[in-house]
Amino acid sequence: AVVSTQSTGDFGKYGKSSGEFWGVNGLCSHINGDILVVDSDNNCLSVHSSDGRFISVFGRKGAERWEFLYPHSVATDEVGNVFVSDWGNHRIHIMDKKLLPYLEKESHML
């Protein structure tokens, strides 16, 4: 899917606060039109509207459930499930289309 913003053509700024980017490593569009951005250095998945407005952030640095250690990429499937690869913790985090965590699979093959 193509990700675009209608206001200025880009969004975000460099930083460590919610909605800011420190190390963007991947992005994709969600089934609802939002833009999902995985930030490896901020150890989070941030959600932005299609025009770039910050909505929410998921995760923080760590090894517990819904904590990340250098998340690497984000993808969605045809029904809106979201998959975030967590490189440092060797696992995949999975959210449903409402962005609610519902399953976590451990993997050492990432």
N, C-alpha and C. Protein backbone atom coordinates (compact mmCIF):
# COMPACT_ATOMS: atom_id res chain seq x y z
N ALA A 1 0.83 -1.18 0.00
CA ALA A 1 0.00 0.00 0.00
C ALA A 1 0.87 1.24 0.00
N VAL A 2 0.38 2.29 -0.56
CA VAL A 2 1.12 3.53 -0.65
C VAL A 2 0.79 4.38 0.56
N VAL A 3 1.81 4.93 1.19
CA VAL A 3 1.64 5.81 2.34
C VAL A 3 1.90 7.23 1.86
N SER A 4 0.95 8.13 2.09
CA SER A 4 1.15 9.53 1.72
C SER A 4 0.50 10.41 2.76
N THR A 5 0.99 11.62 2.84
CA THR A 5 0.36 12.61 3.71
C THR A 5 -0.13 13.74 2.83
N GLN A 6 -1.26 14.30 3.19
CA GLN A 6 -1.88 15.30 2.34
C GLN A 6 -1.46 16.71 2.70
N SER A 7 -0.91 16.94 3.89
CA SER A 7 -0.61 18.30 4.29
C SER A 7 0.71 18.79 3.73
N THR A 8 1.83 18.26 4.20
CA THR A 8 3.13 18.78 3.77
C THR A 8 3.96 17.76 3.02
N GLY A 9 3.52 16.52 2.93
CA GLY A 9 4.30 15.51 2.26
C GLY A 9 5.21 14.74 3.20
N ASP A 10 5.40 15.22 4.41
CA ASP A 10 6.18 14.49 5.41
C ASP A 10 5.65 14.82 6.79
N PHE A 11 6.09 14.06 7.78
CA PHE A 11 5.64 14.32 9.14
C PHE A 11 6.66 13.78 10.12
N GLY A 12 6.51 14.21 11.37
CA GLY A 12 7.39 13.75 12.43
C GLY A 12 8.61 14.63 12.59
N LYS A 13 9.28 14.41 13.72
CA LYS A 13 10.54 15.10 13.96
C LYS A 13 11.45 14.21 14.78
N TYR A 14 12.71 14.54 14.79
CA TYR A 14 13.73 13.77 15.48
C TYR A 14 13.59 13.95 16.98
N GLY A 15 13.55 12.84 17.72
CA GLY A 15 13.46 12.94 19.16
C GLY A 15 13.08 11.63 19.82
N LYS A 16 12.97 11.68 21.13
CA LYS A 16 12.66 10.48 21.91
C LYS A 16 11.30 10.53 22.60
N SER A 17 10.52 11.56 22.38
CA SER A 17 9.18 11.66 22.97
C SER A 17 8.16 10.95 22.10
N SER A 18 6.98 10.71 22.65
CA SER A 18 5.92 10.06 21.88
C SER A 18 5.64 10.84 20.61
N GLY A 19 5.57 10.11 19.50
CA GLY A 19 5.32 10.72 18.21
C GLY A 19 6.55 11.22 17.49
N GLU A 20 7.70 11.19 18.14
CA GLU A 20 8.95 11.60 17.52
C GLU A 20 9.72 10.36 17.08
N PHE A 21 10.66 10.54 16.18
CA PHE A 21 11.40 9.42 15.62
C PHE A 21 12.89 9.53 15.93
N TRP A 22 13.47 8.42 16.36
CA TRP A 22 14.89 8.36 16.66
C TRP A 22 15.61 7.42 15.70
N GLY A 23 14.93 6.38 15.28
CA GLY A 23 15.54 5.40 14.38
C GLY A 23 14.50 4.62 13.61
N VAL A 24 13.80 5.29 12.70
CA VAL A 24 12.76 4.63 11.92
C VAL A 24 13.38 3.49 11.11
N ASN A 25 12.77 2.33 11.26
CA ASN A 25 13.30 1.16 10.57
C ASN A 25 12.27 0.54 9.63
N GLY A 26 11.03 0.96 9.72
CA GLY A 26 10.01 0.42 8.84
C GLY A 26 8.68 1.11 9.04
N LEU A 27 7.83 1.04 8.03
CA LEU A 27 6.49 1.59 8.14
C LEU A 27 5.58 0.88 7.17
N CYS A 28 4.29 0.98 7.43
CA CYS A 28 3.29 0.44 6.52
C CYS A 28 1.98 1.14 6.80
N SER A 29 1.03 0.98 5.89
CA SER A 29 -0.30 1.54 6.13
C SER A 29 -1.19 0.46 6.72
N HIS A 30 -2.06 0.88 7.59
CA HIS A 30 -3.00 -0.02 8.25
C HIS A 30 -4.29 -0.07 7.43
N ILE A 31 -5.07 -1.10 7.64
CA ILE A 31 -6.32 -1.26 6.90
C ILE A 31 -7.26 -0.06 7.09
N ASN A 32 -7.14 0.64 8.22
CA ASN A 32 -8.00 1.80 8.48
C ASN A 32 -7.41 3.11 7.94
N GLY A 33 -6.25 3.04 7.28
CA GLY A 33 -5.63 4.23 6.70
C GLY A 33 -4.54 4.85 7.54
N ASP A 34 -4.41 4.44 8.80
CA ASP A 34 -3.36 4.97 9.65
C ASP A 34 -1.99 4.51 9.15
N ILE A 35 -0.96 5.23 9.55
CA ILE A 35 0.42 4.90 9.21
C ILE A 35 1.09 4.33 10.46
N LEU A 36 1.64 3.12 10.34
CA LEU A 36 2.33 2.46 11.44
C LEU A 36 3.82 2.58 11.22
N VAL A 37 4.54 3.08 12.23
CA VAL A 37 5.98 3.31 12.11
C VAL A 37 6.70 2.57 13.23
N VAL A 38 7.66 1.72 12.87
CA VAL A 38 8.46 1.03 13.87
C VAL A 38 9.78 1.81 14.03
N ASP A 39 10.11 2.11 15.28
CA ASP A 39 11.28 2.92 15.60
C ASP A 39 12.22 2.08 16.47
N SER A 40 13.33 1.65 15.89
CA SER A 40 14.25 0.76 16.60
C SER A 40 14.94 1.41 17.78
N ASP A 41 15.28 2.67 17.67
CA ASP A 41 15.99 3.32 18.77
C ASP A 41 15.06 3.77 19.89
N ASN A 42 13.82 4.10 19.56
CA ASN A 42 12.83 4.41 20.60
C ASN A 42 12.12 3.15 21.09
N ASN A 43 12.41 2.02 20.46
CA ASN A 43 11.83 0.72 20.86
C ASN A 43 10.31 0.77 20.94
N CYS A 44 9.69 1.20 19.85
CA CYS A 44 8.23 1.33 19.87
C CYS A 44 7.63 1.21 18.48
N LEU A 45 6.32 1.08 18.47
CA LEU A 45 5.51 1.18 17.26
C LEU A 45 4.63 2.40 17.46
N SER A 46 4.74 3.39 16.59
CA SER A 46 3.89 4.56 16.72
C SER A 46 2.84 4.56 15.61
N VAL A 47 1.69 5.11 15.94
CA VAL A 47 0.55 5.14 15.04
C VAL A 47 0.25 6.61 14.71
N HIS A 48 0.10 6.88 13.42
CA HIS A 48 -0.17 8.24 12.94
C HIS A 48 -1.34 8.18 11.98
N SER A 49 -2.13 9.24 11.96
CA SER A 49 -3.22 9.31 11.00
C SER A 49 -2.65 9.44 9.59
N SER A 50 -3.50 9.30 8.59
CA SER A 50 -3.03 9.38 7.21
C SER A 50 -2.45 10.75 6.87
N ASP A 51 -2.77 11.77 7.66
CA ASP A 51 -2.18 13.10 7.42
C ASP A 51 -0.98 13.36 8.34
N GLY A 52 -0.53 12.31 9.06
CA GLY A 52 0.69 12.42 9.86
C GLY A 52 0.49 12.79 11.31
N ARG A 53 -0.73 13.04 11.75
CA ARG A 53 -0.99 13.41 13.15
C ARG A 53 -0.72 12.21 14.06
N PHE A 54 0.04 12.42 15.12
CA PHE A 54 0.35 11.35 16.07
C PHE A 54 -0.92 10.92 16.79
N ILE A 55 -1.12 9.58 16.88
CA ILE A 55 -2.29 9.02 17.57
C ILE A 55 -1.88 8.32 18.86
N SER A 56 -0.97 7.36 18.75
CA SER A 56 -0.58 6.61 19.95
C SER A 56 0.75 5.89 19.71
N VAL A 57 1.25 5.34 20.79
CA VAL A 57 2.51 4.59 20.72
C VAL A 57 2.35 3.30 21.52
N PHE A 58 2.97 2.23 21.04
CA PHE A 58 2.95 0.94 21.72
C PHE A 58 4.38 0.53 22.02
N GLY A 59 4.58 -0.02 23.20
CA GLY A 59 5.87 -0.59 23.55
C GLY A 59 6.83 0.38 24.20
N ARG A 60 7.89 -0.23 24.72
CA ARG A 60 9.02 0.47 25.30
C ARG A 60 10.17 -0.53 25.34
N LYS A 61 11.34 -0.07 25.72
CA LYS A 61 12.51 -0.95 25.74
C LYS A 61 12.39 -1.98 26.86
N GLY A 62 12.64 -3.23 26.51
CA GLY A 62 12.62 -4.29 27.50
C GLY A 62 12.40 -5.65 26.88
N ALA A 63 12.21 -6.64 27.73
CA ALA A 63 12.05 -8.01 27.27
C ALA A 63 10.73 -8.63 27.71
N GLU A 64 9.89 -7.86 28.38
CA GLU A 64 8.59 -8.38 28.82
C GLU A 64 7.59 -8.27 27.67
N ARG A 65 6.38 -8.78 27.92
CA ARG A 65 5.32 -8.71 26.91
C ARG A 65 5.10 -7.26 26.48
N TRP A 66 5.06 -7.04 25.20
CA TRP A 66 4.88 -5.74 24.57
C TRP A 66 5.98 -4.73 24.89
N GLU A 67 7.14 -5.25 25.19
CA GLU A 67 8.34 -4.44 25.23
C GLU A 67 9.22 -4.90 24.07
N PHE A 68 9.98 -3.97 23.53
CA PHE A 68 10.80 -4.24 22.35
C PHE A 68 12.28 -4.06 22.65
N LEU A 69 13.09 -4.75 21.90
CA LEU A 69 14.53 -4.53 21.90
C LEU A 69 14.94 -4.46 20.43
N TYR A 70 14.94 -3.27 19.90
CA TYR A 70 15.24 -2.98 18.50
C TYR A 70 14.23 -3.62 17.54
N PRO A 71 12.97 -3.18 17.61
CA PRO A 71 12.00 -3.67 16.62
C PRO A 71 12.49 -3.32 15.23
N HIS A 72 12.31 -4.24 14.31
CA HIS A 72 12.95 -4.12 13.01
C HIS A 72 12.01 -3.77 11.87
N SER A 73 10.81 -4.34 11.86
CA SER A 73 9.90 -4.08 10.76
C SER A 73 8.46 -4.25 11.21
N VAL A 74 7.55 -3.75 10.40
CA VAL A 74 6.12 -3.86 10.67
C VAL A 74 5.41 -4.18 9.37
N ALA A 75 4.39 -5.02 9.46
CA ALA A 75 3.60 -5.40 8.29
C ALA A 75 2.16 -5.65 8.72
N THR A 76 1.26 -5.61 7.77
CA THR A 76 -0.14 -5.95 8.03
C THR A 76 -0.58 -7.02 7.03
N ASP A 77 -1.64 -7.72 7.39
CA ASP A 77 -2.20 -8.69 6.44
C ASP A 77 -3.51 -8.15 5.88
N GLU A 78 -4.19 -8.94 5.07
CA GLU A 78 -5.38 -8.48 4.36
C GLU A 78 -6.57 -8.19 5.27
N VAL A 79 -6.57 -8.70 6.50
CA VAL A 79 -7.68 -8.40 7.41
C VAL A 79 -7.31 -7.37 8.46
N GLY A 80 -6.08 -6.85 8.42
CA GLY A 80 -5.68 -5.77 9.31
C GLY A 80 -4.84 -6.16 10.50
N ASN A 81 -4.52 -7.45 10.65
CA ASN A 81 -3.62 -7.84 11.73
C ASN A 81 -2.27 -7.17 11.51
N VAL A 82 -1.60 -6.81 12.60
CA VAL A 82 -0.31 -6.11 12.54
C VAL A 82 0.76 -7.01 13.12
N PHE A 83 1.89 -7.10 12.43
CA PHE A 83 3.02 -7.94 12.84
C PHE A 83 4.25 -7.07 13.00
N VAL A 84 4.85 -7.11 14.19
CA VAL A 84 6.07 -6.33 14.45
C VAL A 84 7.18 -7.31 14.79
N SER A 85 8.26 -7.28 14.00
CA SER A 85 9.40 -8.15 14.31
C SER A 85 10.27 -7.45 15.36
N ASP A 86 10.57 -8.18 16.41
CA ASP A 86 11.36 -7.68 17.53
C ASP A 86 12.72 -8.37 17.47
N TRP A 87 13.65 -7.73 16.79
CA TRP A 87 14.95 -8.33 16.50
C TRP A 87 15.70 -8.73 17.77
N GLY A 88 15.80 -7.86 18.73
CA GLY A 88 16.60 -8.12 19.92
C GLY A 88 16.02 -9.17 20.85
N ASN A 89 14.69 -9.31 20.84
CA ASN A 89 14.03 -10.31 21.69
C ASN A 89 13.68 -11.58 20.93
N HIS A 90 14.00 -11.65 19.65
CA HIS A 90 13.78 -12.85 18.83
C HIS A 90 12.33 -13.31 18.84
N ARG A 91 11.42 -12.36 18.54
CA ARG A 91 10.00 -12.73 18.54
C ARG A 91 9.21 -11.82 17.61
N ILE A 92 7.97 -12.21 17.37
CA ILE A 92 7.03 -11.44 16.58
C ILE A 92 5.88 -11.04 17.50
N HIS A 93 5.56 -9.77 17.53
CA HIS A 93 4.38 -9.29 18.26
C HIS A 93 3.25 -9.19 17.25
N ILE A 94 2.06 -9.64 17.64
CA ILE A 94 0.92 -9.62 16.74
C ILE A 94 -0.24 -8.89 17.40
N MET A 95 -0.84 -7.95 16.65
CA MET A 95 -2.00 -7.20 17.12
C MET A 95 -3.14 -7.45 16.15
N ASP A 96 -4.36 -7.37 16.64
CA ASP A 96 -5.49 -7.50 15.73
C ASP A 96 -5.74 -6.16 15.03
N LYS A 97 -6.77 -6.09 14.20
CA LYS A 97 -7.01 -4.88 13.40
C LYS A 97 -7.39 -3.68 14.25
N LYS A 98 -7.81 -3.91 15.50
CA LYS A 98 -8.09 -2.80 16.41
C LYS A 98 -6.85 -2.39 17.18
N LEU A 99 -5.71 -2.97 16.80
CA LEU A 99 -4.41 -2.74 17.43
C LEU A 99 -4.38 -3.19 18.88
N LEU A 100 -5.08 -4.29 19.14
CA LEU A 100 -5.05 -4.92 20.46
C LEU A 100 -4.18 -6.16 20.39
N PRO A 101 -3.22 -6.30 21.30
CA PRO A 101 -2.38 -7.50 21.30
C PRO A 101 -3.24 -8.74 21.55
N TYR A 102 -3.03 -9.77 20.76
CA TYR A 102 -3.79 -10.99 21.02
C TYR A 102 -2.96 -12.25 20.96
N LEU A 103 -1.73 -12.17 20.48
CA LEU A 103 -0.93 -13.37 20.38
C LEU A 103 0.52 -12.96 20.29
N GLU A 104 1.38 -13.74 20.86
CA GLU A 104 2.81 -13.49 20.73
C GLU A 104 3.49 -14.80 20.49
N LYS A 105 4.25 -14.89 19.42
CA LYS A 105 4.96 -16.13 19.10
C LYS A 105 6.44 -15.90 19.25
N GLU A 106 7.09 -16.81 19.92
CA GLU A 106 8.54 -16.75 20.07
C GLU A 106 9.17 -17.32 18.82
N SER A 107 10.24 -16.72 18.37
CA SER A 107 10.94 -17.22 17.20
C SER A 107 12.42 -16.87 17.31
N HIS A 108 13.25 -17.79 16.97
CA HIS A 108 14.68 -17.54 16.94
C HIS A 108 15.18 -17.50 15.52
N MET A 109 14.27 -17.33 14.58
CA MET A 109 14.63 -17.36 13.18
C MET A 109 14.55 -15.98 12.53
N LEU A 110 14.39 -14.94 13.30
CA LEU A 110 14.28 -13.59 12.73
C LEU A 110 15.62 -13.05 12.36
